[in-house]
């Protein structure tokens, strides 16, 4: 997993932009308004996301539309999979322990 991807995802403003792009391609102005950011600030965030390979930009007449690139997200998901399994196993064990405790408390 590239360091640039982690750096890009570390910022809450960039994560907010990615959340908006889940709905489909958007121009900078829409993203800025929806995220409550300035247009220059949004453009800087988009540059970081683009350089990390997380978004693509396409020209549409006078505007540029930004869209999520799915491949890096799939790589991130694949990298997180073993950790997710570890977390799920821990939650399952906790659930089993809570169920056992509830059963013990119900017994006379």
Protein backbone atom coordinates (compact mmCIF):
# COMPACT_ATOMS: atom_id res chain seq x y z
CA UNK A 1 0.00 0.00 0.00
CA UNK A 2 1.52 3.31 -1.09
CA UNK A 3 2.37 5.87 1.57
CA UNK A 4 0.70 8.56 -0.57
CA UNK A 5 -2.66 6.80 -0.18
CA UNK A 6 -2.36 6.77 3.62
CA UNK A 7 -1.27 10.40 3.63
CA UNK A 8 -4.24 11.36 1.44
CA UNK A 9 -6.72 9.46 3.61
CA UNK A 10 -5.34 10.88 6.86
CA UNK A 11 -7.02 14.25 6.32
CA UNK A 12 -10.73 14.50 7.26
CA UNK A 13 -11.36 17.05 4.49
CA UNK A 14 -10.10 14.62 1.86
CA UNK A 15 -12.17 11.81 3.35
CA UNK A 16 -15.23 14.10 3.17
CA UNK A 17 -14.50 14.75 -0.49
CA UNK A 18 -14.26 11.00 -1.17
CA UNK A 19 -17.57 10.50 0.65
CA UNK A 20 -19.22 13.01 -1.71
CA UNK A 21 -17.62 11.36 -4.75
CA UNK A 22 -19.29 8.07 -3.81
CA UNK A 23 -22.47 9.60 -5.30
CA UNK A 24 -20.73 10.13 -8.64
CA UNK A 25 -18.42 12.57 -10.41
CA UNK A 26 -18.52 16.15 -9.14
CA UNK A 27 -16.99 19.52 -10.05
CA UNK A 28 -14.78 21.36 -7.56
CA UNK A 29 -17.42 23.98 -6.78
CA UNK A 30 -20.01 21.38 -5.74
CA UNK A 31 -17.47 19.55 -3.60
CA UNK A 32 -16.35 22.78 -1.92
CA UNK A 33 -19.93 23.78 -1.12
CA UNK A 34 -20.97 20.32 0.12
CA UNK A 35 -17.87 19.91 2.31
CA UNK A 36 -17.89 23.47 3.64
CA UNK A 37 -14.41 24.15 2.27
CA UNK A 38 -13.03 26.99 0.17
CA UNK A 39 -12.63 26.29 -3.53
CA UNK A 40 -8.82 26.74 -3.41
CA UNK A 41 -8.66 24.42 -0.37
CA UNK A 42 -10.80 21.84 -2.12
CA UNK A 43 -8.58 22.06 -5.21
CA UNK A 44 -5.51 21.40 -3.05
CA UNK A 45 -7.18 18.38 -1.46
CA UNK A 46 -8.16 17.09 -4.90
CA UNK A 47 -4.58 17.47 -6.10
CA UNK A 48 -3.36 15.31 -3.20
CA UNK A 49 -6.07 12.72 -3.90
CA UNK A 50 -5.20 12.74 -7.61
CA UNK A 51 -1.46 12.36 -6.95
CA UNK A 52 -2.22 9.43 -4.62
CA UNK A 53 -4.21 7.82 -7.44
CA UNK A 54 -7.50 7.93 -5.54
CA UNK A 55 -9.38 10.19 -7.97
CA UNK A 56 -9.44 10.87 -11.69
CA UNK A 57 -10.25 14.17 -13.35
CA UNK A 58 -12.08 14.56 -16.64
CA UNK A 59 -12.74 17.75 -18.57
CA UNK A 60 -16.37 18.48 -19.33
CA UNK A 61 -16.47 21.67 -21.42
CA UNK A 62 -15.42 24.44 -19.00
CA UNK A 63 -15.36 22.35 -15.84
CA UNK A 64 -13.38 19.47 -14.46
CA UNK A 65 -15.23 16.53 -12.99
CA UNK A 66 -13.58 14.45 -10.28
CA UNK A 67 -14.42 10.78 -9.70
CA UNK A 68 -13.15 8.02 -7.41
CA UNK A 69 -10.72 5.51 -8.89
CA UNK A 70 -11.90 2.13 -7.58
CA UNK A 71 -8.60 0.20 -7.95
CA UNK A 72 -6.73 1.86 -5.05
CA UNK A 73 -9.80 1.44 -2.84
CA UNK A 74 -9.87 -2.28 -3.69
CA UNK A 75 -6.16 -2.51 -2.78
CA UNK A 76 -6.87 -0.77 0.52
CA UNK A 77 -9.78 -3.12 1.21
CA UNK A 78 -7.58 -6.15 0.45
CA UNK A 79 -4.89 -4.84 2.79
CA UNK A 80 -7.44 -4.30 5.58
CA UNK A 81 -9.09 -7.75 5.18
CA UNK A 82 -6.86 -9.64 7.66
CA UNK A 83 -7.32 -6.89 10.23
CA UNK A 84 -11.06 -6.97 9.70
CA UNK A 85 -11.04 -10.73 10.31
CA UNK A 86 -9.05 -10.17 13.52
CA UNK A 87 -11.52 -7.52 14.67
CA UNK A 88 -14.52 -9.71 13.80
CA UNK A 89 -13.01 -12.66 15.70
CA UNK A 90 -12.54 -10.42 18.76
CA UNK A 91 -16.12 -9.19 18.54
CA UNK A 92 -17.41 -12.75 18.15
CA UNK A 93 -15.46 -13.82 21.28
CA UNK A 94 -16.86 -10.86 23.20
CA UNK A 95 -20.39 -11.74 22.07
CA UNK A 96 -19.92 -15.36 23.18
CA UNK A 97 -18.64 -14.22 26.57
CA UNK A 98 -21.57 -11.81 27.06
CA UNK A 99 -24.05 -14.53 26.05
CA UNK A 100 -22.48 -16.96 28.53
CA UNK A 101 -22.58 -14.37 31.28
CA UNK A 102 -26.23 -13.57 30.56
CA UNK A 103 -27.05 -17.28 30.73
CA UNK A 104 -25.24 -17.60 34.09
CA UNK A 105 -27.20 -14.65 35.49
CA UNK A 106 -30.50 -16.17 34.32
CA UNK A 107 -29.86 -19.46 36.14
CA UNK A 108 -31.35 -19.77 39.67
